[in-house]
Every structure is written in C-alpha cells, then in structure tokens.
Amino acid sequence: MNHPYQRASVCELFGISTPIIQAGMVWVSGAKLAAAASNAGALGIIGAGSMTIDLLRSHIRKAKSLTDKPFAVNVPLLYHRIEEQLAVCLEEGVKIFFTSAGSPKKYTSFLKSKGAMVVHVTSSPELAMKCEEAGVDAVVAEGFEAGGHNGRAEITTLALIPQVLRAVKIPVIAAGGIGDGYSLAAVMALGASGAQMGTRFAATAESSAHPLFKNAILEAGSDSTMLCMKSTVPVRLLKNEFYRQIAALEERCASPAEITALLGKGRAKKGMLEGDLTEGELEIGQIAALIRDLPTCDELVRRTVQEYNQAISGLKPATR
C-alpha cells in the first residue's frame, strides 16, 4: 500500500544516490565538506551565509574541481549581499539553491527563470504552504531539535513532518534531530522524501569546524543545547559562557536591542571556526548528544545507509 503522503524521493529530485542532504551551515560547510558529501552519494551544500562574494565564488569553483556530482548552495535571505551572492552562484553554474531566513517569494521566480531548482527551509505547515505558493520545488521542514537558526513555534520534527506533508503537495525534506540511519528511517516512514542532516555533518573529518568545536560536540550531553534569542533571531546553541550571558539577559526580560548588542558581530565565526568555546556562538542541534566520533563523509553516509536498511528490515508489519 502506498504511503498517503509519499512524494518523489530527493534521489529523483537532485540526481543523487542516497536520500541524504548535508545542511549548508555557516563557517562549517565549505567546498571540502560539500564535495565530500556529494561524492559519498548525498547532496552536499555550500553554506554561503558567512562568505564574501569572492570567497563564495572560490568555494563553488573548488567544489566543482573536487566532485562531478550535484551539489547546492544555501543562501540565507537575511543578508544584505544576497543579490550579489545569487548572481555569483548563477554565473558559476549553480543549479540547486536552498534558501532560508526570509520570504521564498522574493527570489524563487527569478531563480527558476534561470533554470535553477529552489528548496526553502521552513518550520511550520503555514510557512510551507507559502513556500509552495511561491513555486519552490521542495521544502525542508526543520523541527525544534535542529541546531542554528530555528522556528519560534518549537514544533518537534516528529510532529512537524506529518503536518507539513498534509499542508503541501511538493516533496518534503525532514530536518532536525536526524543523525543516523534509524532516524532517517523514521522520517521516511512518516512520508518525507529525504532528510537533511547538519550537526552530524559538522562533526566529520571534512567539516571546517574548529577541532575544539568538534570536540565540544563529541562531549555534548542530553541537556547541552538550548534554543535562545527568540525575541531576535531564535538559535539553538551549545551552553557556554556566551549562552549564559544571553540567558541572563532573557531572564530579566532584556530588550531585543540589548540582546543584539551582546550578540554583536562575528560571534559564530569566533566559536565555530576559530574555536573560542567561551565567548563564541556555538550553533548545534540536540542530536549532538548521540555523536561520539568524527568519520569521513564517505564513512558516515555508508554507515547511515546500513543503519537505515537494518531499521526497515527489523520492522514488523502492522496487525489488526
């Protein structure tokens, strides 16, 4: 019997061999990670949010030199240089765009008129419907468990995916709390067309995350992360001194301006790329509590597929 919400697989959509997407993360996912993920059979994504125009161009060219497989670029729509970033991507032949942190209506039609495919990241069924109306090819439905920038509604992945599938007819890619083949099997059973994994790929050999940040991921426990800054830009962080300063401001109901002033500029770079575990912003998801190694992308994808096959082979048919 066909699943009531089953859509085209991301394998069909993007021309890849496994239904796994490597999330485009600032300071973590450059050409090396994206190409390694694509070579392993997933869809690798360059995270453009932290890149200057020239750096983005160089990463796209480097990725093309490292893989002949499809890869994408994630472009957060909240940055002022967005139009320059999109122009560079199109000049360099990028055909798959993952957009986030902004309205999908603004650039989807433009990108599709250039022959590109567009996927938008969303955190609610209502926003997913707006994405479909804007003409995107698929949505990433990202649950509350995810690291980095997150939705305010705090809908968990298990609850979010069926709601989004009910709301739209386009393919839905699950994200948030997915780090192995067992969780991949779970979201595919819900009807997702594939899964996007960020935290798990941040903790790989090819990730550009600082070694100290990677080690902090390996040491994370079940209560090591928290969603904060909901009055400004909601983000899930590893708890450190910077997080505690933010939490103290929120405890006394500080204004968004005060929180933004403390955040300042360069916090994420300081933490994730430069390894300042005290004052840096360490964006990571709840799945970090299950991560205890730093495999290569090839090892990770092969293991995830093996776990997925084990998971589905162990399922018993439903009985009445």
C-alpha atoms as a PDB file:
ATOM      1  CA  MET A   1       0.000   0.000   0.000  1.00  0.00           C
ATOM      2  CA  ASN A   2       1.341   3.428  -0.917  1.00  0.00           C
ATOM      3  CA  HIS A   3       2.092   5.857   1.880  1.00  0.00           C
ATOM      4  CA  PRO A   4      -0.620   8.570   1.860  1.00  0.00           C
ATOM      5  CA  TYR A   5       1.969  11.342   1.906  1.00  0.00           C
ATOM      6  CA  GLN A   6       4.766   9.805  -0.187  1.00  0.00           C
ATOM      7  CA  ARG A   7       6.334  12.183  -2.734  1.00  0.00           C
ATOM      8  CA  ALA A   8       9.201  11.955  -5.203  1.00  0.00           C
ATOM      9  CA  SER A   9      12.430  10.999  -3.460  1.00  0.00           C
ATOM     10  CA  VAL A  10      15.227  13.540  -3.221  1.00  0.00           C
ATOM     11  CA  CYS A  11      17.261  10.989  -5.158  1.00  0.00           C
ATOM     12  CA  GLU A  12      14.985  11.588  -8.155  1.00  0.00           C
ATOM     13  CA  LEU A  13      14.788  15.309  -7.489  1.00  0.00           C
ATOM     14  CA  PHE A  14      18.511  16.017  -7.294  1.00  0.00           C
ATOM     15  CA  GLY A  15      20.067  13.079  -9.121  1.00  0.00           C
ATOM     16  CA  ILE A  16      21.786  11.610  -6.058  1.00  0.00           C
ATOM     17  CA  SER A  17      22.068   8.026  -4.835  1.00  0.00           C
ATOM     18  CA  THR A  18      21.009   8.344  -1.170  1.00  0.00           C
ATOM     19  CA  PRO A  19      18.144  10.408   0.330  1.00  0.00           C
ATOM     20  CA  ILE A  20      20.511  12.435   2.477  1.00  0.00           C
ATOM     21  CA  ILE A  21      21.173  16.184   2.351  1.00  0.00           C
ATOM     22  CA  GLN A  22      24.197  17.746   4.059  1.00  0.00           C
ATOM     23  CA  ALA A  23      22.942  21.026   5.512  1.00  0.00           C
ATOM     24  CA  GLY A  24      24.530  24.313   4.439  1.00  0.00           C
ATOM     25  CA  MET A  25      25.977  25.668   7.694  1.00  0.00           C
ATOM     26  CA  VAL A  26      27.819  28.948   8.229  1.00  0.00           C
ATOM     27  CA  TRP A  27      31.565  28.568   8.935  1.00  0.00           C
ATOM     28  CA  VAL A  28      31.275  24.780   8.725  1.00  0.00           C
ATOM     29  CA  SER A  29      30.245  23.737   5.224  1.00  0.00           C
ATOM     30  CA  GLY A  30      32.609  24.923   2.543  1.00  0.00           C
ATOM     31  CA  ALA A  31      33.682  23.259  -0.691  1.00  0.00           C
ATOM     32  CA  LYS A  32      35.594  20.452   1.010  1.00  0.00           C
ATOM     33  CA  LEU A  33      32.593  19.246   3.013  1.00  0.00           C
ATOM     34  CA  ALA A  34      30.059  19.763   0.213  1.00  0.00           C
ATOM     35  CA  ALA A  35      32.167  17.878  -2.332  1.00  0.00           C
ATOM     36  CA  ALA A  36      32.893  15.037   0.098  1.00  0.00           C
ATOM     37  CA  ALA A  37      29.197  14.668   0.920  1.00  0.00           C
ATOM     38  CA  SER A  38      28.275  14.661  -2.772  1.00  0.00           C
ATOM     39  CA  ASN A  39      30.993  12.163  -3.624  1.00  0.00           C
ATOM     40  CA  ALA A  40      29.577   9.910  -0.889  1.00  0.00           C
ATOM     41  CA  GLY A  41      26.158   9.898  -2.572  1.00  0.00           C
ATOM     42  CA  ALA A  42      24.416  12.635  -0.582  1.00  0.00           C
ATOM     43  CA  LEU A  43      23.667  16.172  -1.745  1.00  0.00           C
ATOM     44  CA  GLY A  44      26.445  18.416  -0.480  1.00  0.00           C
ATOM     45  CA  ILE A  45      25.666  22.060   0.220  1.00  0.00           C
ATOM     46  CA  ILE A  46      27.982  25.058   0.453  1.00  0.00           C
ATOM     47  CA  GLY A  47      26.841  27.412   3.220  1.00  0.00           C
ATOM     48  CA  ALA A  48      27.064  30.889   1.700  1.00  0.00           C
ATOM     49  CA  GLY A  49      25.822  32.816   4.740  1.00  0.00           C
ATOM     50  CA  SER A  50      29.274  33.522   6.144  1.00  0.00           C
ATOM     51  CA  MET A  51      31.029  34.110   2.814  1.00  0.00           C
ATOM     52  CA  THR A  52      32.099  37.217   0.947  1.00  0.00           C
ATOM     53  CA  ILE A  53      31.349  37.298  -2.754  1.00  0.00           C
ATOM     54  CA  ASP A  54      34.887  36.361  -3.789  1.00  0.00           C
ATOM     55  CA  LEU A  55      35.101  33.598  -1.194  1.00  0.00           C
ATOM     56  CA  LEU A  56      31.792  32.123  -2.324  1.00  0.00           C
ATOM     57  CA  ARG A  57      32.985  32.084  -5.936  1.00  0.00           C
ATOM     58  CA  SER A  58      36.203  30.323  -4.944  1.00  0.00           C
ATOM     59  CA  HIS A  59      34.322  27.695  -2.922  1.00  0.00           C
ATOM     60  CA  ILE A  60      31.949  26.948  -5.811  1.00  0.00           C
ATOM     61  CA  ARG A  61      34.888  26.549  -8.186  1.00  0.00           C
ATOM     62  CA  LYS A  62      36.765  24.383  -5.689  1.00  0.00           C
ATOM     63  CA  ALA A  63      33.713  22.152  -5.181  1.00  0.00           C
ATOM     64  CA  LYS A  64      33.424  21.695  -8.960  1.00  0.00           C
ATOM     65  CA  SER A  65      37.070  20.658  -9.057  1.00  0.00           C
ATOM     66  CA  LEU A  66      36.542  18.106  -6.268  1.00  0.00           C
ATOM     67  CA  THR A  67      33.326  16.446  -7.479  1.00  0.00           C
ATOM     68  CA  ASP A  68      31.377  15.808 -10.658  1.00  0.00           C
ATOM     69  CA  LYS A  69      28.258  15.058  -8.616  1.00  0.00           C
ATOM     70  CA  PRO A  70      25.399  17.522  -7.963  1.00  0.00           C
ATOM     71  CA  PHE A  71      25.836  19.988  -5.109  1.00  0.00           C
ATOM     72  CA  ALA A  72      23.863  23.002  -3.925  1.00  0.00           C
ATOM     73  CA  VAL A  73      24.379  26.379  -2.262  1.00  0.00           C
ATOM     74  CA  ASN A  74      22.458  27.504   0.796  1.00  0.00           C
ATOM     75  CA  VAL A  75      21.718  31.238   0.719  1.00  0.00           C
ATOM     76  CA  PRO A  76      20.151  32.825   3.830  1.00  0.00           C
ATOM     77  CA  LEU A  77      17.929  35.643   2.597  1.00  0.00           C
ATOM     78  CA  LEU A  78      18.530  37.917   5.603  1.00  0.00           C
ATOM     79  CA  TYR A  79      21.943  39.197   4.461  1.00  0.00           C
ATOM     80  CA  HIS A  80      22.399  42.489   2.595  1.00  0.00           C
ATOM     81  CA  ARG A  81      24.566  40.967  -0.158  1.00  0.00           C
ATOM     82  CA  ILE A  82      22.013  38.346  -1.152  1.00  0.00           C
ATOM     83  CA  GLU A  83      21.571  39.556  -4.749  1.00  0.00           C
ATOM     84  CA  GLU A  84      25.335  39.528  -5.337  1.00  0.00           C
ATOM     85  CA  GLN A  85      25.565  36.025  -3.888  1.00  0.00           C
ATOM     86  CA  LEU A  86      22.801  34.745  -6.138  1.00  0.00           C
ATOM     87  CA  ALA A  87      24.423  36.387  -9.168  1.00  0.00           C
ATOM     88  CA  VAL A  88      27.770  34.719  -8.436  1.00  0.00           C
ATOM     89  CA  CYS A  89      26.098  31.327  -7.985  1.00  0.00           C
ATOM     90  CA  LEU A  90      24.297  31.648 -11.318  1.00  0.00           C
ATOM     91  CA  GLU A  91      27.471  32.839 -13.070  1.00  0.00           C
ATOM     92  CA  GLU A  92      29.277  29.769 -11.749  1.00  0.00           C
ATOM     93  CA  GLY A  93      26.557  27.393 -12.928  1.00  0.00           C
ATOM     94  CA  VAL A  94      24.877  26.503  -9.630  1.00  0.00           C
ATOM     95  CA  LYS A  95      21.590  24.737 -10.376  1.00  0.00           C
ATOM     96  CA  ILE A  96      20.276  23.895  -6.896  1.00  0.00           C
ATOM     97  CA  PHE A  97      19.558  26.574  -4.291  1.00  0.00           C
ATOM     98  CA  PHE A  98      18.491  26.078  -0.693  1.00  0.00           C
ATOM     99  CA  THR A  99      17.111  29.366   0.639  1.00  0.00           C
ATOM    100  CA  SER A 100      16.274  30.209   4.242  1.00  0.00           C
ATOM    101  CA  ALA A 101      15.675  33.002   6.757  1.00  0.00           C
ATOM    102  CA  GLY A 102      13.405  35.115   4.588  1.00  0.00           C
ATOM    103  CA  SER A 103      10.422  35.127   2.258  1.00  0.00           C
ATOM    104  CA  PRO A 104      10.551  32.495  -0.505  1.00  0.00           C
ATOM    105  CA  LYS A 105       8.521  34.818  -2.736  1.00  0.00           C
ATOM    106  CA  LYS A 106      11.351  37.273  -3.216  1.00  0.00           C
ATOM    107  CA  TYR A 107      13.752  35.243  -5.353  1.00  0.00           C
ATOM    108  CA  THR A 108      12.150  31.889  -6.214  1.00  0.00           C
ATOM    109  CA  SER A 109      10.603  33.008  -9.515  1.00  0.00           C
ATOM    110  CA  PHE A 110      13.831  34.720 -10.524  1.00  0.00           C
ATOM    111  CA  LEU A 111      15.959  31.634  -9.801  1.00  0.00           C
ATOM    112  CA  LYS A 112      13.552  29.285 -11.554  1.00  0.00           C
ATOM    113  CA  SER A 113      13.512  31.567 -14.603  1.00  0.00           C
ATOM    114  CA  LYS A 114      17.269  30.924 -14.764  1.00  0.00           C
ATOM    115  CA  GLY A 115      16.697  27.173 -14.839  1.00  0.00           C
ATOM    116  CA  ALA A 116      17.547  26.586 -11.189  1.00  0.00           C
ATOM    117  CA  MET A 117      15.834  24.404  -8.608  1.00  0.00           C
ATOM    118  CA  VAL A 118      14.780  26.053  -5.327  1.00  0.00           C
ATOM    119  CA  VAL A 119      14.235  24.475  -1.904  1.00  0.00           C
ATOM    120  CA  HIS A 120      13.196  26.631   1.049  1.00  0.00           C
ATOM    121  CA  VAL A 121      13.655  25.878   4.749  1.00  0.00           C
ATOM    122  CA  THR A 122      10.531  26.233   6.883  1.00  0.00           C
ATOM    123  CA  SER A 123       9.454  25.495  10.450  1.00  0.00           C
ATOM    124  CA  SER A 124       5.652  25.305  10.217  1.00  0.00           C
ATOM    125  CA  PRO A 125       2.936  23.986   7.875  1.00  0.00           C
ATOM    126  CA  GLU A 126       1.630  27.518   7.340  1.00  0.00           C
ATOM    127  CA  LEU A 127       5.026  28.715   6.112  1.00  0.00           C
ATOM    128  CA  ALA A 128       5.373  25.585   3.983  1.00  0.00           C
ATOM    129  CA  MET A 129       2.159  26.498   2.166  1.00  0.00           C
ATOM    130  CA  LYS A 130       3.587  29.943   1.410  1.00  0.00           C
ATOM    131  CA  CYS A 131       6.677  28.254   0.004  1.00  0.00           C
ATOM    132  CA  GLU A 132       4.549  26.090  -2.280  1.00  0.00           C
ATOM    133  CA  GLU A 133       2.601  29.148  -3.427  1.00  0.00           C
ATOM    134  CA  ALA A 134       5.923  30.833  -4.217  1.00  0.00           C
ATOM    135  CA  GLY A 135       6.781  27.968  -6.574  1.00  0.00           C
ATOM    136  CA  VAL A 136       9.594  26.173  -4.735  1.00  0.00           C
ATOM    137  CA  ASP A 137      10.430  22.645  -5.830  1.00  0.00           C
ATOM    138  CA  ALA A 138      10.555  21.257  -2.281  1.00  0.00           C
ATOM    139  CA  VAL A 139      10.683  22.362   1.330  1.00  0.00           C
ATOM    140  CA  VAL A 140      12.916  21.438   4.229  1.00  0.00           C
ATOM    141  CA  ALA A 141      10.673  21.047   7.279  1.00  0.00           C
ATOM    142  CA  GLU A 142      13.006  21.745  10.180  1.00  0.00           C
ATOM    143  CA  GLY A 143      11.968  20.710  13.678  1.00  0.00           C
ATOM    144  CA  PHE A 144      12.729  22.321  17.018  1.00  0.00           C
ATOM    145  CA  GLU A 145      15.606  19.896  17.650  1.00  0.00           C
ATOM    146  CA  ALA A 146      17.737  21.433  14.898  1.00  0.00           C
ATOM    147  CA  GLY A 147      20.867  23.457  15.541  1.00  0.00           C
ATOM    148  CA  GLY A 148      21.441  27.020  14.416  1.00  0.00           C
ATOM    149  CA  HIS A 149      18.573  29.295  13.436  1.00  0.00           C
ATOM    150  CA  ASN A 150      15.227  27.800  14.270  1.00  0.00           C
ATOM    151  CA  GLY A 151      11.500  28.458  14.332  1.00  0.00           C
ATOM    152  CA  ARG A 152       9.746  30.195  17.201  1.00  0.00           C
ATOM    153  CA  ALA A 153       6.856  27.721  17.398  1.00  0.00           C
ATOM    154  CA  GLU A 154       9.021  24.912  18.838  1.00  0.00           C
ATOM    155  CA  ILE A 155       7.347  22.169  16.767  1.00  0.00           C
ATOM    156  CA  THR A 156       9.332  18.957  17.029  1.00  0.00           C
ATOM    157  CA  THR A 157      10.303  17.035  13.905  1.00  0.00           C
ATOM    158  CA  LEU A 158       8.039  14.059  14.627  1.00  0.00           C
ATOM    159  CA  ALA A 159       5.016  16.373  14.869  1.00  0.00           C
ATOM    160  CA  LEU A 160       6.090  18.786  12.123  1.00  0.00           C
ATOM    161  CA  ILE A 161       6.677  16.420   9.205  1.00  0.00           C
ATOM    162  CA  PRO A 162       3.114  14.973   9.020  1.00  0.00           C
ATOM    163  CA  GLN A 163       1.630  18.473   9.379  1.00  0.00           C
ATOM    164  CA  VAL A 164       3.729  19.820   6.508  1.00  0.00           C
ATOM    165  CA  LEU A 165       3.001  16.770   4.349  1.00  0.00           C
ATOM    166  CA  ARG A 166      -0.709  17.315   4.908  1.00  0.00           C
ATOM    167  CA  ALA A 167      -0.388  21.004   4.023  1.00  0.00           C
ATOM    168  CA  VAL A 168       1.559  20.781   0.729  1.00  0.00           C
ATOM    169  CA  LYS A 169       1.868  18.523  -2.315  1.00  0.00           C
ATOM    170  CA  ILE A 170       5.568  19.134  -3.075  1.00  0.00           C
ATOM    171  CA  PRO A 171       8.390  16.941  -1.686  1.00  0.00           C
ATOM    172  CA  VAL A 172       9.181  17.462   1.996  1.00  0.00           C
ATOM    173  CA  ILE A 173      12.707  17.005   3.341  1.00  0.00           C
ATOM    174  CA  ALA A 174      12.865  16.332   7.080  1.00  0.00           C
ATOM    175  CA  ALA A 175      15.398  18.097   9.294  1.00  0.00           C
ATOM    176  CA  GLY A 176      16.080  18.431  12.998  1.00  0.00           C
ATOM    177  CA  GLY A 177      17.350  15.640  15.239  1.00  0.00           C
ATOM    178  CA  ILE A 178      18.380  13.346  12.382  1.00  0.00           C
ATOM    179  CA  GLY A 179      21.868  11.915  12.739  1.00  0.00           C
ATOM    180  CA  ASP A 180      21.839   8.252  11.751  1.00  0.00           C
ATOM    181  CA  GLY A 181      20.063   5.673   9.621  1.00  0.00           C
ATOM    182  CA  TYR A 182      17.484   4.892  12.291  1.00  0.00           C
ATOM    183  CA  SER A 183      16.213   8.473  12.450  1.00  0.00           C
ATOM    184  CA  LEU A 184      16.363   8.598   8.640  1.00  0.00           C
ATOM    185  CA  ALA A 185      14.090   5.538   8.542  1.00  0.00           C
ATOM    186  CA  ALA A 186      11.712   7.213  10.993  1.00  0.00           C
ATOM    187  CA  VAL A 187      11.174  10.344   8.902  1.00  0.00           C
ATOM    188  CA  MET A 188      10.953   8.350   5.677  1.00  0.00           C
ATOM    189  CA  ALA A 189       8.239   6.249   7.355  1.00  0.00           C
ATOM    190  CA  LEU A 190       6.351   9.486   8.020  1.00  0.00           C
ATOM    191  CA  GLY A 191       6.434  10.199   4.286  1.00  0.00           C
ATOM    192  CA  ALA A 192       9.439  12.524   3.971  1.00  0.00           C
ATOM    193  CA  SER A 193      11.255  12.463   0.635  1.00  0.00           C
ATOM    194  CA  GLY A 194      14.640  12.514   2.357  1.00  0.00           C
ATOM    195  CA  ALA A 195      16.454  14.006   5.316  1.00  0.00           C
ATOM    196  CA  GLN A 196      18.785  16.939   5.866  1.00  0.00           C
ATOM    197  CA  MET A 197      21.495  16.469   8.486  1.00  0.00           C
ATOM    198  CA  GLY A 198      23.529  19.382   9.819  1.00  0.00           C
ATOM    199  CA  THR A 199      25.021  18.583  13.226  1.00  0.00           C
ATOM    200  CA  ARG A 200      26.076  15.095  12.138  1.00  0.00           C
ATOM    201  CA  PHE A 201      27.980  16.516   9.130  1.00  0.00           C
ATOM    202  CA  ALA A 202      29.504  19.280  11.264  1.00  0.00           C
ATOM    203  CA  ALA A 203      31.235  16.502  13.175  1.00  0.00           C
ATOM    204  CA  THR A 204      33.036  14.933  10.215  1.00  0.00           C
ATOM    205  CA  ALA A 205      36.628  14.941   9.060  1.00  0.00           C
ATOM    206  CA  GLU A 206      35.891  17.270   6.121  1.00  0.00           C
ATOM    207  CA  SER A 207      33.915  19.859   8.104  1.00  0.00           C
ATOM    208  CA  SER A 208      35.678  23.197   8.509  1.00  0.00           C
ATOM    209  CA  ALA A 209      34.526  23.486  12.132  1.00  0.00           C
ATOM    210  CA  HIS A 210      37.406  24.143  14.531  1.00  0.00           C
ATOM    211  CA  PRO A 211      38.767  20.970  16.201  1.00  0.00           C
ATOM    212  CA  LEU A 212      37.827  22.370  19.617  1.00  0.00           C
ATOM    213  CA  PHE A 213      34.252  22.894  18.452  1.00  0.00           C
ATOM    214  CA  LYS A 214      34.145  19.369  17.029  1.00  0.00           C
ATOM    215  CA  ASN A 215      35.391  18.021  20.352  1.00  0.00           C
ATOM    216  CA  ALA A 216      32.720  20.014  22.192  1.00  0.00           C
ATOM    217  CA  ILE A 217      30.100  18.295  20.013  1.00  0.00           C
ATOM    218  CA  LEU A 218      31.510  14.892  20.947  1.00  0.00           C
ATOM    219  CA  GLU A 219      31.290  15.787  24.648  1.00  0.00           C
ATOM    220  CA  ALA A 220      27.723  17.147  24.492  1.00  0.00           C
ATOM    221  CA  GLY A 221      25.066  15.594  26.713  1.00  0.00           C
ATOM    222  CA  SER A 222      21.296  15.454  26.532  1.00  0.00           C
ATOM    223  CA  ASP A 223      20.869  18.917  28.091  1.00  0.00           C
ATOM    224  CA  SER A 224      23.874  20.633  26.495  1.00  0.00           C
ATOM    225  CA  THR A 225      21.907  22.743  23.991  1.00  0.00           C
ATOM    226  CA  MET A 226      19.147  25.310  24.295  1.00  0.00           C
ATOM    227  CA  LEU A 227      17.071  27.434  21.931  1.00  0.00           C
ATOM    228  CA  CYS A 228      17.538  31.082  22.851  1.00  0.00           C
ATOM    229  CA  MET A 229      17.220  34.634  21.478  1.00  0.00           C
ATOM    230  CA  LYS A 230      13.592  34.026  20.474  1.00  0.00           C
ATOM    231  CA  SER A 231      12.897  37.773  20.641  1.00  0.00           C
ATOM    232  CA  THR A 232      15.511  38.461  17.965  1.00  0.00           C
ATOM    233  CA  VAL A 233      16.819  35.530  15.891  1.00  0.00           C
ATOM    234  CA  PRO A 234      15.983  32.153  17.507  1.00  0.00           C
ATOM    235  CA  VAL A 235      19.047  29.923  17.554  1.00  0.00           C
ATOM    236  CA  ARG A 236      19.976  26.644  19.250  1.00  0.00           C
ATOM    237  CA  LEU A 237      23.376  26.815  20.947  1.00  0.00           C
ATOM    238  CA  LEU A 238      25.719  24.716  22.985  1.00  0.00           C
ATOM    239  CA  LYS A 239      25.689  26.083  26.521  1.00  0.00           C
ATOM    240  CA  ASN A 240      28.827  28.096  27.275  1.00  0.00           C
ATOM    241  CA  GLU A 241      29.655  31.458  28.856  1.00  0.00           C
ATOM    242  CA  PHE A 242      28.200  33.394  25.927  1.00  0.00           C
ATOM    243  CA  TYR A 243      24.983  31.382  26.156  1.00  0.00           C
ATOM    244  CA  ARG A 244      24.803  32.054  29.896  1.00  0.00           C
ATOM    245  CA  GLN A 245      25.142  35.791  29.278  1.00  0.00           C
ATOM    246  CA  ILE A 246      22.271  35.645  26.787  1.00  0.00           C
ATOM    247  CA  ALA A 247      20.197  33.544  29.204  1.00  0.00           C
ATOM    248  CA  ALA A 248      20.769  36.085  31.975  1.00  0.00           C
ATOM    249  CA  LEU A 249      19.531  38.904  29.735  1.00  0.00           C
ATOM    250  CA  GLU A 250      16.456  36.914  28.784  1.00  0.00           C
ATOM    251  CA  GLU A 251      15.803  36.046  32.439  1.00  0.00           C
ATOM    252  CA  ARG A 252      15.472  39.727  33.281  1.00  0.00           C
ATOM    253  CA  CYS A 253      13.388  40.384  30.142  1.00  0.00           C
ATOM    254  CA  ALA A 254      16.044  42.479  28.424  1.00  0.00           C
ATOM    255  CA  SER A 255      15.050  44.287  25.248  1.00  0.00           C
ATOM    256  CA  PRO A 256      15.866  42.824  21.828  1.00  0.00           C
ATOM    257  CA  ALA A 257      18.297  45.736  21.380  1.00  0.00           C
ATOM    258  CA  GLU A 258      20.280  44.671  24.464  1.00  0.00           C
ATOM    259  CA  ILE A 259      20.456  41.077  23.259  1.00  0.00           C
ATOM    260  CA  THR A 260      21.508  42.181  19.778  1.00  0.00           C
ATOM    261  CA  ALA A 261      24.218  44.389  21.298  1.00  0.00           C
ATOM    262  CA  LEU A 262      25.647  41.449  23.260  1.00  0.00           C
ATOM    263  CA  LEU A 263      25.498  39.235  20.182  1.00  0.00           C
ATOM    264  CA  GLY A 264      27.447  41.832  18.201  1.00  0.00           C
ATOM    265  CA  LYS A 265      29.282  40.665  15.094  1.00  0.00           C
ATOM    266  CA  GLY A 266      31.494  37.683  14.475  1.00  0.00           C
ATOM    267  CA  ARG A 267      30.280  35.523  17.391  1.00  0.00           C
ATOM    268  CA  ALA A 268      29.595  32.477  15.233  1.00  0.00           C
ATOM    269  CA  LYS A 269      32.946  32.768  13.469  1.00  0.00           C
ATOM    270  CA  LYS A 270      34.706  33.126  16.813  1.00  0.00           C
ATOM    271  CA  GLY A 271      33.109  29.973  18.143  1.00  0.00           C
ATOM    272  CA  MET A 272      32.673  27.564  15.250  1.00  0.00           C
ATOM    273  CA  LEU A 273      35.603  28.487  13.009  1.00  0.00           C
ATOM    274  CA  GLU A 274      38.144  29.899  15.474  1.00  0.00           C
ATOM    275  CA  GLY A 275      37.374  27.606  18.414  1.00  0.00           C
ATOM    276  CA  ASP A 276      36.583  30.111  21.163  1.00  0.00           C
ATOM    277  CA  LEU A 277      34.414  27.862  23.333  1.00  0.00           C
ATOM    278  CA  THR A 278      33.894  30.571  25.955  1.00  0.00           C
ATOM    279  CA  GLU A 279      32.754  33.685  24.092  1.00  0.00           C
ATOM    280  CA  GLY A 280      31.830  32.164  20.734  1.00  0.00           C
ATOM    281  CA  GLU A 281      28.376  31.319  19.434  1.00  0.00           C
ATOM    282  CA  LEU A 282      28.287  27.521  19.103  1.00  0.00           C
ATOM    283  CA  GLU A 283      25.331  26.551  16.907  1.00  0.00           C
ATOM    284  CA  ILE A 284      24.466  22.864  17.148  1.00  0.00           C
ATOM    285  CA  GLY A 285      21.453  20.554  17.423  1.00  0.00           C
ATOM    286  CA  GLN A 286      20.143  18.224  20.110  1.00  0.00           C
ATOM    287  CA  ILE A 287      21.404  15.200  18.169  1.00  0.00           C
ATOM    288  CA  ALA A 288      24.921  16.173  19.342  1.00  0.00           C
ATOM    289  CA  ALA A 289      24.276  14.080  22.460  1.00  0.00           C
ATOM    290  CA  LEU A 290      24.427  10.940  20.285  1.00  0.00           C
ATOM    291  CA  ILE A 291      27.577  11.845  18.338  1.00  0.00           C
ATOM    292  CA  ARG A 292      30.800  10.273  19.555  1.00  0.00           C
ATOM    293  CA  ASP A 293      33.065  10.107  16.501  1.00  0.00           C
ATOM    294  CA  LEU A 294      34.381  12.145  13.557  1.00  0.00           C
ATOM    295  CA  PRO A 295      34.010   9.949  10.469  1.00  0.00           C
ATOM    296  CA  THR A 296      34.699  10.956   6.901  1.00  0.00           C
ATOM    297  CA  CYS A 297      31.616  11.810   4.858  1.00  0.00           C
ATOM    298  CA  ASP A 298      32.007   8.561   2.951  1.00  0.00           C
ATOM    299  CA  GLU A 299      32.092   6.545   6.179  1.00  0.00           C
ATOM    300  CA  LEU A 300      29.111   8.473   7.557  1.00  0.00           C
ATOM    301  CA  VAL A 301      26.901   8.003   4.504  1.00  0.00           C
ATOM    302  CA  ARG A 302      27.749   4.310   4.146  1.00  0.00           C
ATOM    303  CA  ARG A 303      27.030   3.731   7.832  1.00  0.00           C
ATOM    304  CA  THR A 304      23.774   5.696   7.673  1.00  0.00           C
ATOM    305  CA  VAL A 305      22.554   3.644   4.721  1.00  0.00           C
ATOM    306  CA  GLN A 306      23.488   0.423   6.531  1.00  0.00           C
ATOM    307  CA  GLU A 307      21.608   1.549   9.666  1.00  0.00           C
ATOM    308  CA  TYR A 308      18.612   2.562   7.554  1.00  0.00           C
ATOM    309  CA  ASN A 309      18.476  -0.884   5.961  1.00  0.00           C
ATOM    310  CA  GLN A 310      18.773  -2.529   9.383  1.00  0.00           C
ATOM    311  CA  ALA A 311      15.962  -0.351  10.715  1.00  0.00           C
ATOM    312  CA  ILE A 312      13.470  -1.088   7.953  1.00  0.00           C
ATOM    313  CA  SER A 313      14.311  -4.808   7.845  1.00  0.00           C
ATOM    314  CA  GLY A 314      13.573  -5.055  11.557  1.00  0.00           C
ATOM    315  CA  LEU A 315      10.097  -3.532  11.312  1.00  0.00           C
ATOM    316  CA  LYS A 316       7.179  -5.878  11.810  1.00  0.00           C
ATOM    317  CA  PRO A 317       4.020  -5.498   9.716  1.00  0.00           C
ATOM    318  CA  ALA A 318       1.115  -3.858  11.469  1.00  0.00           C
ATOM    319  CA  THR A 319      -1.582  -6.186  12.757  1.00  0.00           C
ATOM    320  CA  ARG A 320      -5.246  -5.532  13.349  1.00  0.00           C
END
